[in-house]
Amino acid sequence: MKRLEEMINKEGIVLSDQVLKVDAFLNHQVDPTLMWEIAYEFMNRFQDAGITRILTIEAGGIAPAMMTALRLGVPMVYARKTKSLTLNEGTISAEVYSFTKQQTSTITVAEKYLQQGERVLIIDDFLANGEAAFGLAKLVEQAGAEVVGIGIVIEKSFQPGREKLVQAGFRVESLARIEKLENGKATFVRSVNV
């Protein structure tokens, strides 16, 4: 997506050769027009998958997941990273390590919001090592549902996440694929055969 790439280089801040900060339009402040365009792209890429539910993880994935759910006319649920007094029974959980936060979280979803037989599209803001996507896929598996695809807003292609997910049999669609972060800019992957 050309507009997304432009926003990354205009508004994103390269903190290191591993970390890109995009809180000006995705992770803190949200650009709703851009999210609507992102949702349109995900809808086009996955419209043949028979999606019945969208799953994401709090918090960065919520905006693009919600807009995609709206476009597809299906419910969206997000896995919580923190314990809640109201989410205390009938849950499924998985462990997820965050490279950015340098910590492991237990992600949780109420069983009633992820049902057996559903066809689930996972949406997330970033793909680096694939930990969040694998954790979400574990939740789907525990529910007896099927992951029909993984939609990623920004992929750090220099990290092994995509390769691990594809080797595990998942369909991965990323809207902006970063080849490297260097000199304050992101360089994007131009090959479509990866």
C-alpha atoms as a PDB file:
ATOM      1  CA  MET A   1       0.000   0.000   0.000  1.00  0.00           C
ATOM      2  CA  LYS A   2       1.632   3.148  -1.223  1.00  0.00           C
ATOM      3  CA  ARG A   3      -0.125   5.513   1.213  1.00  0.00           C
ATOM      4  CA  LEU A   4       0.859   3.363   4.186  1.00  0.00           C
ATOM      5  CA  GLU A   5       4.498   3.351   3.067  1.00  0.00           C
ATOM      6  CA  GLU A   6       4.372   7.139   2.679  1.00  0.00           C
ATOM      7  CA  MET A   7       2.937   7.517   6.190  1.00  0.00           C
ATOM      8  CA  ILE A   8       5.649   5.267   7.619  1.00  0.00           C
ATOM      9  CA  ASN A   9       8.393   7.442   6.129  1.00  0.00           C
ATOM     10  CA  LYS A  10       6.622  10.736   6.860  1.00  0.00           C
ATOM     11  CA  GLU A  11       5.251  10.108  10.361  1.00  0.00           C
ATOM     12  CA  GLY A  12       7.152   7.034  11.558  1.00  0.00           C
ATOM     13  CA  ILE A  13      10.255   7.337  13.715  1.00  0.00           C
ATOM     14  CA  VAL A  14      13.073   4.849  13.242  1.00  0.00           C
ATOM     15  CA  LEU A  15      14.404   4.297  16.767  1.00  0.00           C
ATOM     16  CA  SER A  16      16.983   1.679  15.734  1.00  0.00           C
ATOM     17  CA  ASP A  17      17.654  -0.843  12.993  1.00  0.00           C
ATOM     18  CA  GLN A  18      15.045  -3.051  14.730  1.00  0.00           C
ATOM     19  CA  VAL A  19      12.379  -0.659  16.037  1.00  0.00           C
ATOM     20  CA  LEU A  20       9.936   1.584  14.169  1.00  0.00           C
ATOM     21  CA  LYS A  21       7.613   3.895  16.111  1.00  0.00           C
ATOM     22  CA  VAL A  22       4.295   4.600  14.352  1.00  0.00           C
ATOM     23  CA  ASP A  23       2.236   6.036  17.166  1.00  0.00           C
ATOM     24  CA  ALA A  24       1.388   9.141  15.113  1.00  0.00           C
ATOM     25  CA  PHE A  25      -1.107   7.145  13.012  1.00  0.00           C
ATOM     26  CA  LEU A  26      -1.424   3.546  14.263  1.00  0.00           C
ATOM     27  CA  ASN A  27      -0.283   2.692  17.806  1.00  0.00           C
ATOM     28  CA  HIS A  28      -1.341   5.689  19.878  1.00  0.00           C
ATOM     29  CA  GLN A  29      -3.068   8.249  17.721  1.00  0.00           C
ATOM     30  CA  VAL A  30      -5.094   6.555  14.971  1.00  0.00           C
ATOM     31  CA  ASP A  31      -5.675   7.919  11.478  1.00  0.00           C
ATOM     32  CA  PRO A  32      -9.217   6.645  10.772  1.00  0.00           C
ATOM     33  CA  THR A  33      -9.054   7.384   7.043  1.00  0.00           C
ATOM     34  CA  LEU A  34      -5.875   5.339   6.715  1.00  0.00           C
ATOM     35  CA  MET A  35      -7.426   2.531   8.805  1.00  0.00           C
ATOM     36  CA  TRP A  36     -10.446   2.515   6.463  1.00  0.00           C
ATOM     37  CA  GLU A  37      -8.092   2.164   3.454  1.00  0.00           C
ATOM     38  CA  ILE A  38      -6.157  -0.596   5.239  1.00  0.00           C
ATOM     39  CA  ALA A  39      -9.430  -2.399   5.925  1.00  0.00           C
ATOM     40  CA  TYR A  40     -10.393  -2.138   2.254  1.00  0.00           C
ATOM     41  CA  GLU A  41      -7.084  -3.736   1.274  1.00  0.00           C
ATOM     42  CA  PHE A  42      -7.518  -6.577   3.791  1.00  0.00           C
ATOM     43  CA  MET A  43     -11.102  -7.080   2.614  1.00  0.00           C
ATOM     44  CA  ASN A  44      -9.927  -7.410  -0.995  1.00  0.00           C
ATOM     45  CA  ARG A  45      -7.120  -9.802  -0.125  1.00  0.00           C
ATOM     46  CA  PHE A  46      -9.229 -12.098   2.073  1.00  0.00           C
ATOM     47  CA  GLN A  47     -12.741 -11.805   0.623  1.00  0.00           C
ATOM     48  CA  ASP A  48     -12.569 -15.382  -0.708  1.00  0.00           C
ATOM     49  CA  ALA A  49     -11.699 -16.907   2.696  1.00  0.00           C
ATOM     50  CA  GLY A  50     -15.214 -17.227   4.159  1.00  0.00           C
ATOM     51  CA  ILE A  51     -14.278 -15.250   7.271  1.00  0.00           C
ATOM     52  CA  THR A  52     -16.729 -15.419  10.185  1.00  0.00           C
ATOM     53  CA  ARG A  53     -14.684 -13.559  12.811  1.00  0.00           C
ATOM     54  CA  ILE A  54     -11.628 -11.329  13.150  1.00  0.00           C
ATOM     55  CA  LEU A  55      -9.183 -11.772  16.015  1.00  0.00           C
ATOM     56  CA  THR A  56      -6.482  -9.361  17.128  1.00  0.00           C
ATOM     57  CA  ILE A  57      -4.447  -8.541  20.218  1.00  0.00           C
ATOM     58  CA  GLU A  58      -4.655  -5.362  22.276  1.00  0.00           C
ATOM     59  CA  ALA A  59      -3.885  -2.614  21.593  1.00  0.00           C
ATOM     60  CA  GLY A  60      -2.167  -1.822  18.261  1.00  0.00           C
ATOM     61  CA  GLY A  61      -4.196  -4.305  16.241  1.00  0.00           C
ATOM     62  CA  ILE A  62      -7.613  -3.093  17.388  1.00  0.00           C
ATOM     63  CA  ALA A  63      -8.081  -0.172  14.951  1.00  0.00           C
ATOM     64  CA  PRO A  64      -7.236  -2.039  11.722  1.00  0.00           C
ATOM     65  CA  ALA A  65      -9.074  -5.157  12.941  1.00  0.00           C
ATOM     66  CA  MET A  66     -12.215  -3.205  13.802  1.00  0.00           C
ATOM     67  CA  MET A  67     -12.289  -1.423  10.454  1.00  0.00           C
ATOM     68  CA  THR A  68     -11.715  -4.709   8.610  1.00  0.00           C
ATOM     69  CA  ALA A  69     -14.534  -6.355  10.577  1.00  0.00           C
ATOM     70  CA  LEU A  70     -16.786  -3.457   9.632  1.00  0.00           C
ATOM     71  CA  ARG A  71     -15.863  -3.813   5.945  1.00  0.00           C
ATOM     72  CA  LEU A  72     -16.462  -7.598   6.033  1.00  0.00           C
ATOM     73  CA  GLY A  73     -19.585  -7.431   8.196  1.00  0.00           C
ATOM     74  CA  VAL A  74     -18.269  -9.872  10.820  1.00  0.00           C
ATOM     75  CA  PRO A  75     -17.602  -9.589  14.573  1.00  0.00           C
ATOM     76  CA  MET A  76     -14.169  -8.699  15.914  1.00  0.00           C
ATOM     77  CA  VAL A  77     -12.695  -9.841  19.213  1.00  0.00           C
ATOM     78  CA  TYR A  78      -9.380  -8.903  20.747  1.00  0.00           C
ATOM     79  CA  ALA A  79      -7.212 -10.937  23.066  1.00  0.00           C
ATOM     80  CA  ARG A  80      -6.504  -9.144  26.318  1.00  0.00           C
ATOM     81  CA  LYS A  81      -2.968  -8.902  27.663  1.00  0.00           C
ATOM     82  CA  THR A  82      -3.997  -8.048  31.207  1.00  0.00           C
ATOM     83  CA  LYS A  83      -6.134  -9.834  33.753  1.00  0.00           C
ATOM     84  CA  SER A  84      -9.621  -8.501  34.316  1.00  0.00           C
ATOM     85  CA  LEU A  85     -12.080  -9.206  37.104  1.00  0.00           C
ATOM     86  CA  THR A  86     -14.799  -9.582  34.485  1.00  0.00           C
ATOM     87  CA  LEU A  87     -12.818 -12.102  32.420  1.00  0.00           C
ATOM     88  CA  ASN A  88     -12.485 -14.798  35.052  1.00  0.00           C
ATOM     89  CA  GLU A  89     -14.134 -17.970  33.723  1.00  0.00           C
ATOM     90  CA  GLY A  90     -14.682 -19.720  30.417  1.00  0.00           C
ATOM     91  CA  THR A  91     -11.470 -18.410  28.866  1.00  0.00           C
ATOM     92  CA  ILE A  92      -8.703 -19.651  26.610  1.00  0.00           C
ATOM     93  CA  SER A  93      -5.146 -18.375  26.965  1.00  0.00           C
ATOM     94  CA  ALA A  94      -1.713 -18.458  25.350  1.00  0.00           C
ATOM     95  CA  GLU A  95       1.712 -17.017  26.144  1.00  0.00           C
ATOM     96  CA  VAL A  96       3.173 -14.313  23.871  1.00  0.00           C
ATOM     97  CA  TYR A  97       6.626 -12.728  24.038  1.00  0.00           C
ATOM     98  CA  SER A  98       6.893  -9.077  22.921  1.00  0.00           C
ATOM     99  CA  PHE A  99      10.259  -8.046  21.481  1.00  0.00           C
ATOM    100  CA  THR A 100       9.361  -4.350  21.761  1.00  0.00           C
ATOM    101  CA  LYS A 101       8.298  -4.586  25.414  1.00  0.00           C
ATOM    102  CA  GLN A 102      10.823  -7.314  26.283  1.00  0.00           C
ATOM    103  CA  GLN A 103       8.237  -9.285  28.256  1.00  0.00           C
ATOM    104  CA  THR A 104       5.951 -12.291  28.078  1.00  0.00           C
ATOM    105  CA  SER A 105       2.202 -11.767  28.411  1.00  0.00           C
ATOM    106  CA  THR A 106      -0.653 -14.188  28.817  1.00  0.00           C
ATOM    107  CA  ILE A 107      -3.273 -13.316  26.219  1.00  0.00           C
ATOM    108  CA  THR A 108      -6.862 -14.289  26.964  1.00  0.00           C
ATOM    109  CA  VAL A 109     -10.188 -14.476  25.131  1.00  0.00           C
ATOM    110  CA  ALA A 110     -13.589 -15.490  26.474  1.00  0.00           C
ATOM    111  CA  GLU A 111     -14.542 -18.858  24.959  1.00  0.00           C
ATOM    112  CA  LYS A 112     -17.980 -17.589  23.978  1.00  0.00           C
ATOM    113  CA  TYR A 113     -16.409 -15.068  21.565  1.00  0.00           C
ATOM    114  CA  LEU A 114     -14.333 -17.624  19.659  1.00  0.00           C
ATOM    115  CA  GLN A 115     -16.435 -20.628  18.672  1.00  0.00           C
ATOM    116  CA  GLN A 116     -15.721 -24.048  17.249  1.00  0.00           C
ATOM    117  CA  GLY A 117     -15.951 -24.159  13.457  1.00  0.00           C
ATOM    118  CA  GLU A 118     -15.404 -20.450  12.909  1.00  0.00           C
ATOM    119  CA  ARG A 119     -13.143 -19.208  10.107  1.00  0.00           C
ATOM    120  CA  VAL A 120     -10.904 -16.617  11.718  1.00  0.00           C
ATOM    121  CA  LEU A 121      -8.806 -13.876  10.164  1.00  0.00           C
ATOM    122  CA  ILE A 122      -6.027 -12.664  12.465  1.00  0.00           C
ATOM    123  CA  ILE A 123      -5.139  -8.975  12.053  1.00  0.00           C
ATOM    124  CA  ASP A 124      -2.181  -7.311  13.751  1.00  0.00           C
ATOM    125  CA  ASP A 125      -0.266  -4.059  13.481  1.00  0.00           C
ATOM    126  CA  PHE A 126       3.265  -5.519  13.258  1.00  0.00           C
ATOM    127  CA  LEU A 127       4.941  -8.764  12.272  1.00  0.00           C
ATOM    128  CA  ALA A 128       8.508  -9.241  13.478  1.00  0.00           C
ATOM    129  CA  ASN A 129       9.233 -12.628  15.041  1.00  0.00           C
ATOM    130  CA  GLY A 130       5.679 -13.933  14.718  1.00  0.00           C
ATOM    131  CA  GLU A 131       5.075 -14.428  18.437  1.00  0.00           C
ATOM    132  CA  ALA A 132       1.777 -12.518  18.611  1.00  0.00           C
ATOM    133  CA  ALA A 133       0.405 -14.238  15.487  1.00  0.00           C
ATOM    134  CA  PHE A 134       1.372 -17.679  16.820  1.00  0.00           C
ATOM    135  CA  GLY A 135      -0.223 -16.867  20.188  1.00  0.00           C
ATOM    136  CA  LEU A 136      -3.446 -15.784  18.500  1.00  0.00           C
ATOM    137  CA  ALA A 137      -3.392 -18.898  16.310  1.00  0.00           C
ATOM    138  CA  LYS A 138      -3.100 -21.021  19.474  1.00  0.00           C
ATOM    139  CA  LEU A 139      -6.268 -19.394  20.809  1.00  0.00           C
ATOM    140  CA  VAL A 140      -8.081 -20.184  17.560  1.00  0.00           C
ATOM    141  CA  GLU A 141      -6.860 -23.787  17.686  1.00  0.00           C
ATOM    142  CA  GLN A 142      -7.951 -24.187  21.330  1.00  0.00           C
ATOM    143  CA  ALA A 143     -11.428 -22.967  20.346  1.00  0.00           C
ATOM    144  CA  GLY A 144     -11.679 -25.581  17.601  1.00  0.00           C
ATOM    145  CA  ALA A 145     -11.785 -22.860  14.932  1.00  0.00           C
ATOM    146  CA  GLU A 146      -9.595 -22.366  11.840  1.00  0.00           C
ATOM    147  CA  VAL A 147      -7.136 -19.585  10.995  1.00  0.00           C
ATOM    148  CA  VAL A 148      -7.881 -18.709   7.361  1.00  0.00           C
ATOM    149  CA  GLY A 149      -5.267 -15.980   7.144  1.00  0.00           C
ATOM    150  CA  ILE A 150      -3.076 -13.479   8.928  1.00  0.00           C
ATOM    151  CA  GLY A 151      -3.254  -9.833   7.882  1.00  0.00           C
ATOM    152  CA  ILE A 152      -0.381  -7.612   8.945  1.00  0.00           C
ATOM    153  CA  VAL A 153      -0.264  -3.833   8.613  1.00  0.00           C
ATOM    154  CA  ILE A 154       3.555  -3.507   8.842  1.00  0.00           C
ATOM    155  CA  GLU A 155       5.971  -6.408   8.451  1.00  0.00           C
ATOM    156  CA  LYS A 156       9.626  -6.207   9.395  1.00  0.00           C
ATOM    157  CA  SER A 157      10.805  -8.618   6.682  1.00  0.00           C
ATOM    158  CA  PHE A 158      14.354  -8.665   8.050  1.00  0.00           C
ATOM    159  CA  GLN A 159      13.029 -10.608  11.039  1.00  0.00           C
ATOM    160  CA  PRO A 160      11.914 -14.269  10.815  1.00  0.00           C
ATOM    161  CA  GLY A 161       8.175 -13.953  11.563  1.00  0.00           C
ATOM    162  CA  ARG A 162       6.813 -14.364   8.020  1.00  0.00           C
ATOM    163  CA  GLU A 163       9.045 -17.334   7.254  1.00  0.00           C
ATOM    164  CA  LYS A 164       8.011 -19.131  10.466  1.00  0.00           C
ATOM    165  CA  LEU A 165       4.302 -18.480   9.867  1.00  0.00           C
ATOM    166  CA  VAL A 166       4.425 -19.576   6.218  1.00  0.00           C
ATOM    167  CA  GLN A 167       6.373 -22.720   7.158  1.00  0.00           C
ATOM    168  CA  ALA A 168       3.636 -23.471   9.702  1.00  0.00           C
ATOM    169  CA  GLY A 169       1.103 -23.344   6.855  1.00  0.00           C
ATOM    170  CA  PHE A 170      -0.448 -19.916   7.410  1.00  0.00           C
ATOM    171  CA  ARG A 171      -1.430 -17.503   4.639  1.00  0.00           C
ATOM    172  CA  VAL A 172       0.224 -14.168   5.454  1.00  0.00           C
ATOM    173  CA  GLU A 173      -0.695 -10.881   3.762  1.00  0.00           C
ATOM    174  CA  SER A 174       1.288  -7.777   4.758  1.00  0.00           C
ATOM    175  CA  LEU A 175       0.441  -4.293   3.519  1.00  0.00           C
ATOM    176  CA  ALA A 176       3.880  -2.718   4.033  1.00  0.00           C
ATOM    177  CA  ARG A 177       6.954  -4.957   4.074  1.00  0.00           C
ATOM    178  CA  ILE A 178      10.074  -3.302   5.450  1.00  0.00           C
ATOM    179  CA  GLU A 179      13.365  -4.621   4.133  1.00  0.00           C
ATOM    180  CA  LYS A 180      15.488  -2.534   6.516  1.00  0.00           C
ATOM    181  CA  LEU A 181      15.436   0.389   8.926  1.00  0.00           C
ATOM    182  CA  GLU A 182      18.449   2.604   8.339  1.00  0.00           C
ATOM    183  CA  ASN A 183      19.417   6.292   8.520  1.00  0.00           C
ATOM    184  CA  GLY A 184      16.018   7.267   9.889  1.00  0.00           C
ATOM    185  CA  LYS A 185      14.093   5.703   6.990  1.00  0.00           C
ATOM    186  CA  ALA A 186      12.375   2.470   6.108  1.00  0.00           C
ATOM    187  CA  THR A 187      13.276   0.711   2.870  1.00  0.00           C
ATOM    188  CA  PHE A 188      10.473  -1.465   1.532  1.00  0.00           C
ATOM    189  CA  VAL A 189      10.512  -4.917  -0.061  1.00  0.00           C
ATOM    190  CA  ARG A 190       9.528  -4.588  -3.714  1.00  0.00           C
ATOM    191  CA  SER A 191       9.334  -8.277  -4.687  1.00  0.00           C
ATOM    192  CA  VAL A 192       5.834  -9.767  -4.644  1.00  0.00           C
ATOM    193  CA  ASN A 193       7.113 -13.340  -4.820  1.00  0.00           C
ATOM    194  CA  VAL A 194       8.005 -13.741  -1.155  1.00  0.00           C
END
